[in-house]
Amino acid sequence: MGLQFVTEPDQSGHVIATARLCLTEDRSRLVPDTDPDARWLFCTPGAPISRANAERYGLLAEAESEAEAKQAQQPANKARGRTANK
């Protein structure tokens, strides 16, 4: 889902949506607006989402896991060490 963390000085804890997200008919989960199960508009791109709602719908865990995955994917150091000069 498209989310980014707010990095403003107030540390409000809100996340910003980067995609249109909709609720399902029973309002139990969020889906993209192109999903056939989408019924109720939840937010548009640029809209702040409270931390409580982000945790409720599992958005915060996705955003944190994406950030952790990017940090974990460090490229291997392929530089060769110096060889002995004989």
PDB file of N, CA and C in Angstrom:
ATOM      1  N   MET A   1       0.860  -1.165   0.000  1.00  0.00           N
ATOM      2  CA  MET A   1       0.000   0.000   0.000  1.00  0.00           C
ATOM      3  C   MET A   1       0.902   1.221   0.000  1.00  0.00           C
ATOM      4  N   GLY A   2       0.519   2.328  -0.444  1.00  0.00           N
ATOM      5  CA  GLY A   2       1.417   3.457  -0.515  1.00  0.00           C
ATOM      6  C   GLY A   2       1.403   4.312   0.728  1.00  0.00           C
ATOM      7  N   LEU A   3       2.433   4.216   1.541  1.00  0.00           N
ATOM      8  CA  LEU A   3       2.546   5.035   2.742  1.00  0.00           C
ATOM      9  C   LEU A   3       3.948   5.587   2.869  1.00  0.00           C
ATOM     10  N   GLN A   4       4.034   6.714   3.527  1.00  0.00           N
ATOM     11  CA  GLN A   4       5.337   7.249   3.896  1.00  0.00           C
ATOM     12  C   GLN A   4       5.200   7.878   5.266  1.00  0.00           C
ATOM     13  N   PHE A   5       6.267   7.846   6.060  1.00  0.00           N
ATOM     14  CA  PHE A   5       6.222   8.423   7.386  1.00  0.00           C
ATOM     15  C   PHE A   5       6.379   9.930   7.326  1.00  0.00           C
ATOM     16  N   VAL A   6       5.719  10.626   8.239  1.00  0.00           N
ATOM     17  CA  VAL A   6       5.849  12.067   8.344  1.00  0.00           C
ATOM     18  C   VAL A   6       7.119  12.355   9.133  1.00  0.00           C
ATOM     19  N   THR A   7       7.960  13.217   8.617  1.00  0.00           N
ATOM     20  CA  THR A   7       9.213  13.521   9.300  1.00  0.00           C
ATOM     21  C   THR A   7       9.244  14.979   9.752  1.00  0.00           C
ATOM     22  N   GLU A   8       8.109  15.528  10.088  1.00  0.00           N
ATOM     23  CA  GLU A   8       8.037  16.907  10.551  1.00  0.00           C
ATOM     24  C   GLU A   8       8.474  16.987  12.008  1.00  0.00           C
ATOM     25  N   PRO A   9       8.890  18.156  12.458  1.00  0.00           N
ATOM     26  CA  PRO A   9       9.385  18.299  13.831  1.00  0.00           C
ATOM     27  C   PRO A   9       8.363  17.972  14.911  1.00  0.00           C
ATOM     28  N   ASP A  10       7.075  18.077  14.631  1.00  0.00           N
ATOM     29  CA  ASP A  10       6.090  17.851  15.682  1.00  0.00           C
ATOM     30  C   ASP A  10       5.948  16.379  16.076  1.00  0.00           C
ATOM     31  N   GLN A  11       6.481  15.471  15.263  1.00  0.00           N
ATOM     32  CA  GLN A  11       6.430  14.035  15.558  1.00  0.00           C
ATOM     33  C   GLN A  11       4.998  13.592  15.886  1.00  0.00           C
ATOM     34  N   SER A  12       4.078  13.946  15.031  1.00  0.00           N
ATOM     35  CA  SER A  12       2.664  13.652  15.272  1.00  0.00           C
ATOM     36  C   SER A  12       2.337  12.171  15.185  1.00  0.00           C
ATOM     37  N   GLY A  13       3.172  11.393  14.516  1.00  0.00           N
ATOM     38  CA  GLY A  13       2.912   9.967  14.412  1.00  0.00           C
ATOM     39  C   GLY A  13       1.970   9.613  13.282  1.00  0.00           C
ATOM     40  N   HIS A  14       1.578  10.575  12.472  1.00  0.00           N
ATOM     41  CA  HIS A  14       0.720  10.289  11.328  1.00  0.00           C
ATOM     42  C   HIS A  14       1.549   9.718  10.190  1.00  0.00           C
ATOM     43  N   VAL A  15       0.895   8.967   9.338  1.00  0.00           N
ATOM     44  CA  VAL A  15       1.493   8.523   8.082  1.00  0.00           C
ATOM     45  C   VAL A  15       0.721   9.183   6.955  1.00  0.00           C
ATOM     46  N   ILE A  16       1.379   9.342   5.815  1.00  0.00           N
ATOM     47  CA  ILE A  16       0.760   9.994   4.665  1.00  0.00           C
ATOM     48  C   ILE A  16       0.489   8.943   3.594  1.00  0.00           C
ATOM     49  N   ALA A  17      -0.722   8.902   3.113  1.00  0.00           N
ATOM     50  CA  ALA A  17      -1.092   7.958   2.059  1.00  0.00           C
ATOM     51  C   ALA A  17      -0.522   8.439   0.733  1.00  0.00           C
ATOM     52  N   THR A  18      -0.002   7.518  -0.068  1.00  0.00           N
ATOM     53  CA  THR A  18       0.482   7.855  -1.403  1.00  0.00           C
ATOM     54  C   THR A  18      -0.380   7.207  -2.477  1.00  0.00           C
ATOM     55  N   ALA A  19      -1.507   6.615  -2.070  1.00  0.00           N
ATOM     56  CA  ALA A  19      -2.429   5.990  -3.018  1.00  0.00           C
ATOM     57  C   ALA A  19      -3.841   6.115  -2.469  1.00  0.00           C
ATOM     58  N   ARG A  20      -4.818   5.954  -3.358  1.00  0.00           N
ATOM     59  CA  ARG A  20      -6.215   5.943  -2.909  1.00  0.00           C
ATOM     60  C   ARG A  20      -6.497   4.594  -2.251  1.00  0.00           C
ATOM     61  N   LEU A  21      -6.956   4.624  -1.021  1.00  0.00           N
ATOM     62  CA  LEU A  21      -7.260   3.402  -0.286  1.00  0.00           C
ATOM     63  C   LEU A  21      -8.740   3.385   0.057  1.00  0.00           C
ATOM     64  N   CYS A  22      -9.338   2.210  -0.053  1.00  0.00           N
ATOM     65  CA  CYS A  22     -10.760   2.046   0.222  1.00  0.00           C
ATOM     66  C   CYS A  22     -10.972   0.942   1.245  1.00  0.00           C
ATOM     67  N   LEU A  23     -12.100   1.032   1.941  1.00  0.00           N
ATOM     68  CA  LEU A  23     -12.507  -0.012   2.875  1.00  0.00           C
ATOM     69  C   LEU A  23     -13.357  -1.038   2.141  1.00  0.00           C
ATOM     70  N   THR A  24     -13.346  -2.262   2.633  1.00  0.00           N
ATOM     71  CA  THR A  24     -14.220  -3.297   2.080  1.00  0.00           C
ATOM     72  C   THR A  24     -15.638  -3.085   2.601  1.00  0.00           C
ATOM     73  N   GLU A  25     -16.572  -3.873   2.129  1.00  0.00           N
ATOM     74  CA  GLU A  25     -17.979  -3.733   2.514  1.00  0.00           C
ATOM     75  C   GLU A  25     -18.172  -3.827   4.023  1.00  0.00           C
ATOM     76  N   ASP A  26     -17.476  -4.766   4.669  1.00  0.00           N
ATOM     77  CA  ASP A  26     -17.621  -4.921   6.119  1.00  0.00           C
ATOM     78  C   ASP A  26     -16.689  -3.995   6.900  1.00  0.00           C
ATOM     79  N   ARG A  27     -15.943  -3.165   6.204  1.00  0.00           N
ATOM     80  CA  ARG A  27     -15.023  -2.182   6.779  1.00  0.00           C
ATOM     81  C   ARG A  27     -13.957  -2.807   7.679  1.00  0.00           C
ATOM     82  N   SER A  28     -13.521  -4.004   7.329  1.00  0.00           N
ATOM     83  CA  SER A  28     -12.537  -4.699   8.146  1.00  0.00           C
ATOM     84  C   SER A  28     -11.116  -4.558   7.610  1.00  0.00           C
ATOM     85  N   ARG A  29     -10.955  -4.205   6.322  1.00  0.00           N
ATOM     86  CA  ARG A  29      -9.603  -4.075   5.783  1.00  0.00           C
ATOM     87  C   ARG A  29      -9.570  -3.018   4.695  1.00  0.00           C
ATOM     88  N   LEU A  30      -8.347  -2.526   4.457  1.00  0.00           N
ATOM     89  CA  LEU A  30      -8.119  -1.530   3.411  1.00  0.00           C
ATOM     90  C   LEU A  30      -7.576  -2.207   2.161  1.00  0.00           C
ATOM     91  N   VAL A  31      -8.059  -1.761   1.020  1.00  0.00           N
ATOM     92  CA  VAL A  31      -7.611  -2.285  -0.262  1.00  0.00           C
ATOM     93  C   VAL A  31      -7.391  -1.104  -1.210  1.00  0.00           C
ATOM     94  N   PRO A  32      -6.605  -1.288  -2.274  1.00  0.00           N
ATOM     95  CA  PRO A  32      -6.462  -0.218  -3.273  1.00  0.00           C
ATOM     96  C   PRO A  32      -7.802   0.058  -3.943  1.00  0.00           C
ATOM     97  N   ASP A  33      -7.963   1.248  -4.480  1.00  0.00           N
ATOM     98  CA  ASP A  33      -9.248   1.609  -5.085  1.00  0.00           C
ATOM     99  C   ASP A  33      -9.572   0.790  -6.321  1.00  0.00           C
ATOM    100  N   THR A  34      -8.604   0.100  -6.906  1.00  0.00           N
ATOM    101  CA  THR A  34      -8.848  -0.732  -8.087  1.00  0.00           C
ATOM    102  C   THR A  34      -9.294  -2.150  -7.732  1.00  0.00           C
ATOM    103  N   ASP A  35      -9.262  -2.493  -6.453  1.00  0.00           N
ATOM    104  CA  ASP A  35      -9.654  -3.833  -6.003  1.00  0.00           C
ATOM    105  C   ASP A  35     -11.165  -4.002  -6.147  1.00  0.00           C
ATOM    106  N   PRO A  36     -11.635  -5.168  -6.592  1.00  0.00           N
ATOM    107  CA  PRO A  36     -13.078  -5.393  -6.739  1.00  0.00           C
ATOM    108  C   PRO A  36     -13.836  -5.338  -5.406  1.00  0.00           C
ATOM    109  N   ASP A  37     -13.153  -5.560  -4.287  1.00  0.00           N
ATOM    110  CA  ASP A  37     -13.811  -5.516  -2.980  1.00  0.00           C
ATOM    111  C   ASP A  37     -13.927  -4.103  -2.416  1.00  0.00           C
ATOM    112  N   ALA A  38     -13.350  -3.096  -3.065  1.00  0.00           N
ATOM    113  CA  ALA A  38     -13.376  -1.718  -2.560  1.00  0.00           C
ATOM    114  C   ALA A  38     -14.796  -1.164  -2.595  1.00  0.00           C
ATOM    115  N   ARG A  39     -15.253  -0.644  -1.445  1.00  0.00           N
ATOM    116  CA  ARG A  39     -16.605  -0.085  -1.366  1.00  0.00           C
ATOM    117  C   ARG A  39     -16.640   1.345  -0.855  1.00  0.00           C
ATOM    118  N   TRP A  40     -15.858   1.685   0.160  1.00  0.00           N
ATOM    119  CA  TRP A  40     -15.922   2.990   0.801  1.00  0.00           C
ATOM    120  C   TRP A  40     -14.549   3.662   0.730  1.00  0.00           C
ATOM    121  N   LEU A  41     -14.503   4.886   0.234  1.00  0.00           N
ATOM    122  CA  LEU A  41     -13.247   5.617   0.147  1.00  0.00           C
ATOM    123  C   LEU A  41     -12.734   5.938   1.542  1.00  0.00           C
ATOM    124  N   PHE A  42     -11.494   5.580   1.827  1.00  0.00           N
ATOM    125  CA  PHE A  42     -10.886   5.833   3.129  1.00  0.00           C
ATOM    126  C   PHE A  42      -9.979   7.054   3.078  1.00  0.00           C
ATOM    127  N   CYS A  43      -9.121   7.150   2.050  1.00  0.00           N
ATOM    128  CA  CYS A  43      -8.232   8.304   1.938  1.00  0.00           C
ATOM    129  C   CYS A  43      -7.764   8.468   0.499  1.00  0.00           C
ATOM    130  N   THR A  44      -7.270   9.658   0.224  1.00  0.00           N
ATOM    131  CA  THR A  44      -6.705   9.985  -1.083  1.00  0.00           C
ATOM    132  C   THR A  44      -5.212  10.259  -0.904  1.00  0.00           C
ATOM    133  N   PRO A  45      -4.450  10.312  -1.985  1.00  0.00           N
ATOM    134  CA  PRO A  45      -3.013  10.591  -1.849  1.00  0.00           C
ATOM    135  C   PRO A  45      -2.766  11.929  -1.149  1.00  0.00           C
ATOM    136  N   GLY A  46      -1.848  11.923  -0.194  1.00  0.00           N
ATOM    137  CA  GLY A  46      -1.513  13.126   0.556  1.00  0.00           C
ATOM    138  C   GLY A  46      -2.294  13.294   1.840  1.00  0.00           C
ATOM    139  N   ALA A  47      -3.271  12.453   2.082  1.00  0.00           N
ATOM    140  CA  ALA A  47      -4.087  12.569   3.296  1.00  0.00           C
ATOM    141  C   ALA A  47      -3.358  11.949   4.491  1.00  0.00           C
ATOM    142  N   PRO A  48      -3.379  12.630   5.651  1.00  0.00           N
ATOM    143  CA  PRO A  48      -2.749  12.037   6.840  1.00  0.00           C
ATOM    144  C   PRO A  48      -3.646  10.951   7.433  1.00  0.00           C
ATOM    145  N   ILE A  49      -3.022   9.886   7.891  1.00  0.00           N
ATOM    146  CA  ILE A  49      -3.737   8.789   8.543  1.00  0.00           C
ATOM    147  C   ILE A  49      -3.188   8.680   9.956  1.00  0.00           C
ATOM    148  N   SER A  50      -4.075   8.662  10.939  1.00  0.00           N
ATOM    149  CA  SER A  50      -3.623   8.593  12.326  1.00  0.00           C
ATOM    150  C   SER A  50      -2.904   7.277  12.596  1.00  0.00           C
ATOM    151  N   ARG A  51      -2.031   7.300  13.589  1.00  0.00           N
ATOM    152  CA  ARG A  51      -1.272   6.096  13.944  1.00  0.00           C
ATOM    153  C   ARG A  51      -2.223   4.982  14.379  1.00  0.00           C
ATOM    154  N   ALA A  52      -3.307   5.327  15.078  1.00  0.00           N
ATOM    155  CA  ALA A  52      -4.273   4.325  15.528  1.00  0.00           C
ATOM    156  C   ALA A  52      -4.908   3.602  14.341  1.00  0.00           C
ATOM    157  N   ASN A  53      -5.321   4.358  13.322  1.00  0.00           N
ATOM    158  CA  ASN A  53      -5.916   3.734  12.138  1.00  0.00           C
ATOM    159  C   ASN A  53      -4.884   2.948  11.346  1.00  0.00           C
ATOM    160  N   ALA A  54      -3.661   3.447  11.282  1.00  0.00           N
ATOM    161  CA  ALA A  54      -2.600   2.728  10.564  1.00  0.00           C
ATOM    162  C   ALA A  54      -2.335   1.382  11.225  1.00  0.00           C
ATOM    163  N   GLU A  55      -2.321   1.344  12.552  1.00  0.00           N
ATOM    164  CA  GLU A  55      -2.122   0.082  13.264  1.00  0.00           C
ATOM    165  C   GLU A  55      -3.347  -0.818  13.130  1.00  0.00           C
ATOM    166  N   ARG A  56      -4.524  -0.234  13.180  1.00  0.00           N
ATOM    167  CA  ARG A  56      -5.774  -0.990  13.092  1.00  0.00           C
ATOM    168  C   ARG A  56      -5.888  -1.772  11.789  1.00  0.00           C
ATOM    169  N   TYR A  57      -5.481  -1.136  10.684  1.00  0.00           N
ATOM    170  CA  TYR A  57      -5.611  -1.773   9.377  1.00  0.00           C
ATOM    171  C   TYR A  57      -4.320  -2.427   8.907  1.00  0.00           C
ATOM    172  N   GLY A  58      -3.293  -2.457   9.750  1.00  0.00           N
ATOM    173  CA  GLY A  58      -2.062  -3.140   9.414  1.00  0.00           C
ATOM    174  C   GLY A  58      -1.155  -2.383   8.463  1.00  0.00           C
ATOM    175  N   LEU A  59      -1.373  -1.099   8.293  1.00  0.00           N
ATOM    176  CA  LEU A  59      -0.549  -0.313   7.381  1.00  0.00           C
ATOM    177  C   LEU A  59       0.811   0.001   7.968  1.00  0.00           C
ATOM    178  N   LEU A  60       0.864   0.190   9.248  1.00  0.00           N
ATOM    179  CA  LEU A  60       2.114   0.563   9.896  1.00  0.00           C
ATOM    180  C   LEU A  60       3.118  -0.574   9.827  1.00  0.00           C
ATOM    181  N   ALA A  61       2.665  -1.785  10.005  1.00  0.00           N
ATOM    182  CA  ALA A  61       3.563  -2.938   9.936  1.00  0.00           C
ATOM    183  C   ALA A  61       4.151  -3.070   8.532  1.00  0.00           C
ATOM    184  N   GLU A  62       3.354  -2.800   7.500  1.00  0.00           N
ATOM    185  CA  GLU A  62       3.843  -2.887   6.126  1.00  0.00           C
ATOM    186  C   GLU A  62       4.895  -1.828   5.854  1.00  0.00           C
ATOM    187  N   ALA A  63       4.653  -0.620   6.311  1.00  0.00           N
ATOM    188  CA  ALA A  63       5.602   0.462   6.075  1.00  0.00           C
ATOM    189  C   ALA A  63       6.910   0.210   6.810  1.00  0.00           C
ATOM    190  N   GLU A  64       6.834  -0.296   8.036  1.00  0.00           N
ATOM    191  CA  GLU A  64       8.035  -0.583   8.813  1.00  0.00           C
ATOM    192  C   GLU A  64       8.807  -1.748   8.202  1.00  0.00           C
ATOM    193  N   SER A  65       8.098  -2.775   7.726  1.00  0.00           N
ATOM    194  CA  SER A  65       8.794  -3.926   7.146  1.00  0.00           C
ATOM    195  C   SER A  65       9.477  -3.549   5.832  1.00  0.00           C
ATOM    196  N   GLU A  66       8.880  -2.641   5.056  1.00  0.00           N
ATOM    197  CA  GLU A  66       9.512  -2.181   3.825  1.00  0.00           C
ATOM    198  C   GLU A  66      10.786  -1.402   4.140  1.00  0.00           C
ATOM    199  N   ALA A  67      10.743  -0.573   5.180  1.00  0.00           N
ATOM    200  CA  ALA A  67      11.921   0.204   5.562  1.00  0.00           C
ATOM    201  C   ALA A  67      13.028  -0.719   6.063  1.00  0.00           C
ATOM    202  N   GLU A  68      12.666  -1.738   6.844  1.00  0.00           N
ATOM    203  CA  GLU A  68      13.654  -2.687   7.335  1.00  0.00           C
ATOM    204  C   GLU A  68      14.253  -3.491   6.190  1.00  0.00           C
ATOM    205  N   ALA A  69      13.451  -3.863   5.202  1.00  0.00           N
ATOM    206  CA  ALA A  69      13.939  -4.635   4.063  1.00  0.00           C
ATOM    207  C   ALA A  69      14.941  -3.827   3.247  1.00  0.00           C
ATOM    208  N   LYS A  70      14.694  -2.530   3.090  1.00  0.00           N
ATOM    209  CA  LYS A  70      15.622  -1.683   2.346  1.00  0.00           C
ATOM    210  C   LYS A  70      16.946  -1.570   3.077  1.00  0.00           C
ATOM    211  N   GLN A  71      16.899  -1.471   4.415  1.00  0.00           N
ATOM    212  CA  GLN A  71      18.126  -1.370   5.189  1.00  0.00           C
ATOM    213  C   GLN A  71      18.894  -2.687   5.167  1.00  0.00           C
ATOM    214  N   ALA A  72      18.204  -3.803   5.131  1.00  0.00           N
ATOM    215  CA  ALA A  72      18.841  -5.115   5.180  1.00  0.00           C
ATOM    216  C   ALA A  72      19.529  -5.459   3.864  1.00  0.00           C
ATOM    217  N   GLN A  73      19.139  -4.862   2.767  1.00  0.00           N
ATOM    218  CA  GLN A  73      19.685  -5.191   1.456  1.00  0.00           C
ATOM    219  C   GLN A  73      20.915  -4.351   1.132  1.00  0.00           C
ATOM    220  N   GLN A  74      21.959  -4.476   1.922  1.00  0.00           N
ATOM    221  CA  GLN A  74      23.211  -3.784   1.661  1.00  0.00           C
ATOM    222  C   GLN A  74      23.982  -4.575   0.609  1.00  0.00           C
ATOM    223  N   PRO A  75      24.532  -3.905  -0.395  1.00  0.00           N
ATOM    224  CA  PRO A  75      25.287  -4.625  -1.423  1.00  0.00           C
ATOM    225  C   PRO A  75      26.567  -5.216  -0.843  1.00  0.00           C
ATOM    226  N   ALA A  76      26.958  -6.354  -1.375  1.00  0.00           N
ATOM    227  CA  ALA A  76      28.173  -7.014  -0.914  1.00  0.00           C
ATOM    228  C   ALA A  76      29.395  -6.228  -1.372  1.00  0.00           C
ATOM    229  N   ASN A  77      30.434  -6.225  -0.559  1.00  0.00           N
ATOM    230  CA  ASN A  77      31.671  -5.552  -0.902  1.00  0.00           C
ATOM    231  C   ASN A  77      32.473  -6.474  -1.819  1.00  0.00           C
ATOM    232  N   LYS A  78      32.558  -6.124  -3.089  1.00  0.00           N
ATOM    233  CA  LYS A  78      33.218  -6.982  -4.066  1.00  0.00           C
ATOM    234  C   LYS A  78      34.652  -6.547  -4.362  1.00  0.00           C
ATOM    235  N   ALA A  79      35.148  -5.602  -3.607  1.00  0.00           N
ATOM    236  CA  ALA A  79      36.510  -5.134  -3.829  1.00  0.00           C
ATOM    237  C   ALA A  79      37.499  -6.221  -3.412  1.00  0.00           C
ATOM    238  N   ARG A  80      38.494  -6.422  -4.241  1.00  0.00           N
ATOM    239  CA  ARG A  80      39.508  -7.432  -3.932  1.00  0.00           C
ATOM    240  C   ARG A  80      40.544  -6.826  -2.993  1.00  0.00           C
ATOM    241  N   GLY A  81      41.023  -7.639  -2.090  1.00  0.00           N
ATOM    242  CA  GLY A  81      42.081  -7.196  -1.188  1.00  0.00           C
ATOM    243  C   GLY A  81      43.416  -7.153  -1.920  1.00  0.00           C
ATOM    244  N   ARG A  82      44.382  -6.501  -1.323  1.00  0.00           N
ATOM    245  CA  ARG A  82      45.716  -6.425  -1.929  1.00  0.00           C
ATOM    246  C   ARG A  82      46.396  -7.789  -1.874  1.00  0.00           C
ATOM    247  N   THR A  83      47.039  -8.129  -2.935  1.00  0.00           N
ATOM    248  CA  THR A  83      47.791  -9.392  -2.976  1.00  0.00           C
ATOM    249  C   THR A  83      49.238  -9.119  -2.593  1.00  0.00           C
ATOM    250  N   ALA A  84      49.930 -10.140  -2.197  1.00  0.00           N
ATOM    251  CA  ALA A  84      51.335  -9.993  -1.799  1.00  0.00           C
ATOM    252  C   ALA A  84      52.197  -9.657  -3.012  1.00  0.00           C
ATOM    253  N   ASN A  85      53.095  -8.716  -2.866  1.00  0.00           N
ATOM    254  CA  ASN A  85      54.000  -8.313  -3.927  1.00  0.00           C
ATOM    255  C   ASN A  85      55.283  -9.139  -3.810  1.00  0.00           C
ATOM    256  N   LYS A  86      55.437 -10.094  -4.687  1.00  0.00           N
ATOM    257  CA  LYS A  86      56.600 -10.995  -4.597  1.00  0.00           C
ATOM    258  C   LYS A  86      57.656 -10.662  -5.573  1.00  0.00           C
TER     259      LYS A  86
END
